[in-house]
Amino acid sequence: MSKPAIEKAKQQGFNVFWGDVTAAAYPDNYFDVVIASEVIEHLEKPAISHLP
């Protein structure tokens, strides 16, 4: 997502986070749905990159 797109979304009242998801610090049960599409090719070690 481009920086201008992030700023536009924020201006429209959306809560936008861009960065390493482990640094996001959202509380447990914050989201109803999370969609991660086309991300596996960006993981440093995809074979071991999973949540318990």
Protein backbone atom coordinates (compact mmCIF):
# COMPACT_ATOMS: atom_id res chain seq x y z
CA MET A 1 0.00 0.00 0.00
CA SER A 2 1.42 3.38 -0.93
CA LYS A 3 1.96 6.14 1.62
CA PRO A 4 -0.54 8.44 -0.16
CA ALA A 5 -3.16 5.66 -0.04
CA ILE A 6 -2.52 5.15 3.68
CA GLU A 7 -2.86 8.88 4.38
CA LYS A 8 -6.09 9.08 2.34
CA ALA A 9 -7.56 6.12 4.25
CA LYS A 10 -6.61 7.75 7.58
CA GLN A 11 -8.20 11.03 6.47
CA GLN A 12 -11.40 9.10 5.78
CA GLY A 13 -11.41 7.73 9.32
CA PHE A 14 -9.93 4.27 8.74
CA ASN A 15 -7.57 2.76 11.30
CA VAL A 16 -4.61 1.85 9.07
CA PHE A 17 -1.43 0.06 10.10
CA TRP A 18 1.48 -0.50 7.73
CA GLY A 19 4.51 -2.46 8.88
CA ASP A 20 5.52 -5.66 10.62
CA VAL A 21 2.36 -7.21 12.04
CA THR A 22 4.24 -8.31 15.15
CA ALA A 23 4.73 -4.60 15.96
CA ALA A 24 1.04 -3.73 15.49
CA ALA A 25 0.13 -4.28 19.17
CA TYR A 26 -3.60 -4.74 18.62
CA PRO A 27 -5.35 -6.28 21.64
CA ASP A 28 -6.63 -9.86 21.58
CA ASN A 29 -9.98 -10.30 19.81
CA TYR A 30 -9.71 -6.84 18.17
CA PHE A 31 -10.56 -8.13 14.69
CA ASP A 32 -13.54 -10.11 13.45
CA VAL A 33 -11.75 -11.08 10.22
CA VAL A 34 -8.16 -10.91 9.01
CA ILE A 35 -7.27 -11.49 5.36
CA ALA A 36 -3.66 -12.06 4.34
CA SER A 37 -3.35 -12.47 0.60
CA GLU A 38 -0.17 -13.11 -1.38
CA VAL A 39 2.16 -12.75 1.61
CA ILE A 40 4.00 -16.08 1.82
CA GLU A 41 6.55 -15.07 -0.81
CA HIS A 42 7.52 -12.11 1.39
CA LEU A 43 8.31 -14.16 4.51
CA GLU A 44 11.97 -14.62 5.41
CA LYS A 45 11.50 -18.31 6.31
CA PRO A 46 8.03 -19.38 5.11
CA ALA A 47 8.44 -22.99 6.27
CA ILE A 48 8.75 -21.94 9.92
CA SER A 49 6.78 -18.66 9.84
CA HIS A 50 3.52 -19.60 11.48
CA LEU A 51 1.57 -18.70 14.56
CA PRO A 52 1.12 -21.36 17.23
